[in-house]
């Protein structure tokens, strides 16, 4: 079944992620586990940084999340994280709540797909 048939297009490119893991499925699953452990904390940090207008925390948290998402070629979510990283870099918070509102459901979908992969 292709990503288009499952409705997961743009969420995760498993072929690219496997390539990033050196074609080692066990390593890929370890990367998924680490991502799942860190994603909750990173999203909480992003939420807190926006509510407290902490540009340094926003930049750092969004940058880390973006990098992790790019391992999985998660285009939409990594682009949103990049937008937040740039907002933190520029201390520009006006649109941050809107971008966060777009990122949160994307992250829920990415996490769901990752958990399904672990359950296989």
C-alpha atoms as a PDB file:
ATOM      1  CA  UNK A   1       0.000   0.000   0.000  1.00  0.00           C
ATOM      2  CA  UNK A   2       1.458   3.384  -0.977  1.00  0.00           C
ATOM      3  CA  UNK A   3       1.429   6.499   1.161  1.00  0.00           C
ATOM      4  CA  UNK A   4      -1.202   7.989  -1.159  1.00  0.00           C
ATOM      5  CA  UNK A   5      -3.499   4.997  -0.607  1.00  0.00           C
ATOM      6  CA  UNK A   6      -3.236   5.280   3.174  1.00  0.00           C
ATOM      7  CA  UNK A   7      -3.717   9.069   3.251  1.00  0.00           C
ATOM      8  CA  UNK A   8      -0.323   9.607   4.873  1.00  0.00           C
ATOM      9  CA  UNK A   9       1.313  11.533   2.040  1.00  0.00           C
ATOM     10  CA  UNK A  10       3.561  14.285   3.354  1.00  0.00           C
ATOM     11  CA  UNK A  11       3.658  12.772   6.834  1.00  0.00           C
ATOM     12  CA  UNK A  12       6.607  10.381   6.677  1.00  0.00           C
ATOM     13  CA  UNK A  13       8.705   9.075   3.822  1.00  0.00           C
ATOM     14  CA  UNK A  14       9.730   5.698   5.215  1.00  0.00           C
ATOM     15  CA  UNK A  15      12.088   4.984   2.307  1.00  0.00           C
ATOM     16  CA  UNK A  16      14.016   8.201   2.955  1.00  0.00           C
ATOM     17  CA  UNK A  17      14.001   7.559   6.696  1.00  0.00           C
ATOM     18  CA  UNK A  18      15.339   4.052   6.174  1.00  0.00           C
ATOM     19  CA  UNK A  19      18.061   5.484   3.955  1.00  0.00           C
ATOM     20  CA  UNK A  20      18.965   7.997   6.667  1.00  0.00           C
ATOM     21  CA  UNK A  21      19.287   5.029   9.030  1.00  0.00           C
ATOM     22  CA  UNK A  22      21.741   3.329   6.680  1.00  0.00           C
ATOM     23  CA  UNK A  23      19.085   0.843   5.525  1.00  0.00           C
ATOM     24  CA  UNK A  24      19.058  -0.583   9.053  1.00  0.00           C
ATOM     25  CA  UNK A  25      15.445  -1.279  10.075  1.00  0.00           C
ATOM     26  CA  UNK A  26      16.384  -1.778  13.743  1.00  0.00           C
ATOM     27  CA  UNK A  27      18.139   1.599  13.802  1.00  0.00           C
ATOM     28  CA  UNK A  28      15.142   3.204  12.099  1.00  0.00           C
ATOM     29  CA  UNK A  29      12.834   1.838  14.792  1.00  0.00           C
ATOM     30  CA  UNK A  30      15.230   3.137  17.467  1.00  0.00           C
ATOM     31  CA  UNK A  31      15.066   6.579  15.823  1.00  0.00           C
ATOM     32  CA  UNK A  32      11.273   6.387  15.873  1.00  0.00           C
ATOM     33  CA  UNK A  33      11.304   5.521  19.588  1.00  0.00           C
ATOM     34  CA  UNK A  34      13.652   8.416  20.385  1.00  0.00           C
ATOM     35  CA  UNK A  35      11.532  10.785  18.329  1.00  0.00           C
ATOM     36  CA  UNK A  36       8.383   9.712  20.164  1.00  0.00           C
ATOM     37  CA  UNK A  37      10.097  10.232  23.528  1.00  0.00           C
ATOM     38  CA  UNK A  38      11.370  13.707  22.613  1.00  0.00           C
ATOM     39  CA  UNK A  39       8.451  15.055  20.587  1.00  0.00           C
ATOM     40  CA  UNK A  40       6.159  15.570  23.579  1.00  0.00           C
ATOM     41  CA  UNK A  41       8.792  17.594  25.428  1.00  0.00           C
ATOM     42  CA  UNK A  42       9.693  19.633  22.351  1.00  0.00           C
ATOM     43  CA  UNK A  43       6.056  20.482  21.659  1.00  0.00           C
ATOM     44  CA  UNK A  44       5.558  21.480  25.309  1.00  0.00           C
ATOM     45  CA  UNK A  45       8.654  23.686  25.093  1.00  0.00           C
ATOM     46  CA  UNK A  46       7.346  25.295  21.905  1.00  0.00           C
ATOM     47  CA  UNK A  47       3.959  25.996  23.528  1.00  0.00           C
ATOM     48  CA  UNK A  48       5.631  27.434  26.632  1.00  0.00           C
ATOM     49  CA  UNK A  49       8.050  29.551  24.599  1.00  0.00           C
ATOM     50  CA  UNK A  50       5.177  31.107  22.671  1.00  0.00           C
ATOM     51  CA  UNK A  51       3.087  31.800  25.763  1.00  0.00           C
ATOM     52  CA  UNK A  52       6.103  33.294  27.562  1.00  0.00           C
ATOM     53  CA  UNK A  53       7.486  34.975  24.421  1.00  0.00           C
ATOM     54  CA  UNK A  54      10.823  33.224  24.968  1.00  0.00           C
ATOM     55  CA  UNK A  55      12.562  33.591  21.604  1.00  0.00           C
ATOM     56  CA  UNK A  56      15.617  31.526  22.553  1.00  0.00           C
ATOM     57  CA  UNK A  57      13.550  28.556  23.710  1.00  0.00           C
ATOM     58  CA  UNK A  58      11.298  28.792  20.646  1.00  0.00           C
ATOM     59  CA  UNK A  59      14.241  28.846  18.252  1.00  0.00           C
ATOM     60  CA  UNK A  60      16.029  25.966  19.980  1.00  0.00           C
ATOM     61  CA  UNK A  61      12.954  23.742  20.441  1.00  0.00           C
ATOM     62  CA  UNK A  62      11.611  24.316  16.941  1.00  0.00           C
ATOM     63  CA  UNK A  63      15.083  23.762  15.440  1.00  0.00           C
ATOM     64  CA  UNK A  64      15.462  20.437  17.250  1.00  0.00           C
ATOM     65  CA  UNK A  65      11.978  19.321  16.237  1.00  0.00           C
ATOM     66  CA  UNK A  66      12.599  20.356  12.637  1.00  0.00           C
ATOM     67  CA  UNK A  67      15.811  18.347  12.479  1.00  0.00           C
ATOM     68  CA  UNK A  68      14.134  15.272  13.889  1.00  0.00           C
ATOM     69  CA  UNK A  69      11.234  15.570  11.463  1.00  0.00           C
ATOM     70  CA  UNK A  70      13.598  15.924   8.519  1.00  0.00           C
ATOM     71  CA  UNK A  71      15.140  12.532   9.300  1.00  0.00           C
ATOM     72  CA  UNK A  72      11.704  11.134   8.466  1.00  0.00           C
ATOM     73  CA  UNK A  73      11.232  13.487   5.497  1.00  0.00           C
ATOM     74  CA  UNK A  74       8.103  14.819   7.177  1.00  0.00           C
ATOM     75  CA  UNK A  75       7.741  17.820   4.894  1.00  0.00           C
ATOM     76  CA  UNK A  76       4.686  19.642   6.220  1.00  0.00           C
ATOM     77  CA  UNK A  77       5.523  19.348   9.922  1.00  0.00           C
ATOM     78  CA  UNK A  78       9.219  20.174   9.413  1.00  0.00           C
ATOM     79  CA  UNK A  79       8.269  23.264   7.394  1.00  0.00           C
ATOM     80  CA  UNK A  80       5.976  24.452  10.193  1.00  0.00           C
ATOM     81  CA  UNK A  81       8.743  23.826  12.752  1.00  0.00           C
ATOM     82  CA  UNK A  82      11.121  25.797  10.525  1.00  0.00           C
ATOM     83  CA  UNK A  83       8.656  28.706  10.466  1.00  0.00           C
ATOM     84  CA  UNK A  84       8.564  28.670  14.279  1.00  0.00           C
ATOM     85  CA  UNK A  85      12.359  28.457  14.430  1.00  0.00           C
ATOM     86  CA  UNK A  86      12.598  31.579  12.253  1.00  0.00           C
ATOM     87  CA  UNK A  87      10.041  33.356  14.441  1.00  0.00           C
ATOM     88  CA  UNK A  88      12.178  32.575  17.475  1.00  0.00           C
ATOM     89  CA  UNK A  89      15.301  33.711  15.657  1.00  0.00           C
ATOM     90  CA  UNK A  90      13.613  37.027  14.852  1.00  0.00           C
ATOM     91  CA  UNK A  91      11.648  37.359  18.127  1.00  0.00           C
ATOM     92  CA  UNK A  92       8.514  37.596  15.991  1.00  0.00           C
ATOM     93  CA  UNK A  93       5.626  36.059  17.913  1.00  0.00           C
ATOM     94  CA  UNK A  94       2.598  37.559  16.142  1.00  0.00           C
ATOM     95  CA  UNK A  95       1.933  34.541  13.884  1.00  0.00           C
ATOM     96  CA  UNK A  96       3.418  31.900  16.196  1.00  0.00           C
ATOM     97  CA  UNK A  97       0.084  30.801  17.728  1.00  0.00           C
ATOM     98  CA  UNK A  98      -1.373  30.263  14.249  1.00  0.00           C
ATOM     99  CA  UNK A  99       1.621  28.226  13.068  1.00  0.00           C
ATOM    100  CA  UNK A 100       1.516  26.207  16.291  1.00  0.00           C
ATOM    101  CA  UNK A 101      -2.189  25.553  15.676  1.00  0.00           C
ATOM    102  CA  UNK A 102      -1.236  24.124  12.264  1.00  0.00           C
ATOM    103  CA  UNK A 103       1.694  22.131  13.664  1.00  0.00           C
ATOM    104  CA  UNK A 104      -0.189  20.398  16.484  1.00  0.00           C
ATOM    105  CA  UNK A 105      -2.530  18.278  14.310  1.00  0.00           C
ATOM    106  CA  UNK A 106       0.345  17.478  11.958  1.00  0.00           C
ATOM    107  CA  UNK A 107       2.386  16.217  14.891  1.00  0.00           C
ATOM    108  CA  UNK A 108      -0.546  14.125  16.106  1.00  0.00           C
ATOM    109  CA  UNK A 109      -0.750  12.486  12.686  1.00  0.00           C
ATOM    110  CA  UNK A 110       3.032  11.951  12.457  1.00  0.00           C
ATOM    111  CA  UNK A 111       3.089  10.408  15.939  1.00  0.00           C
ATOM    112  CA  UNK A 112       0.169   8.163  15.033  1.00  0.00           C
ATOM    113  CA  UNK A 113       1.909   6.896  11.896  1.00  0.00           C
ATOM    114  CA  UNK A 114       5.126   6.300  13.857  1.00  0.00           C
ATOM    115  CA  UNK A 115       3.306   4.367  16.575  1.00  0.00           C
ATOM    116  CA  UNK A 116       1.646   2.256  13.887  1.00  0.00           C
ATOM    117  CA  UNK A 117       5.073   1.482  12.403  1.00  0.00           C
ATOM    118  CA  UNK A 118       6.340   0.342  15.802  1.00  0.00           C
ATOM    119  CA  UNK A 119       3.290  -1.871  16.233  1.00  0.00           C
ATOM    120  CA  UNK A 120       3.937  -3.749  12.968  1.00  0.00           C
END
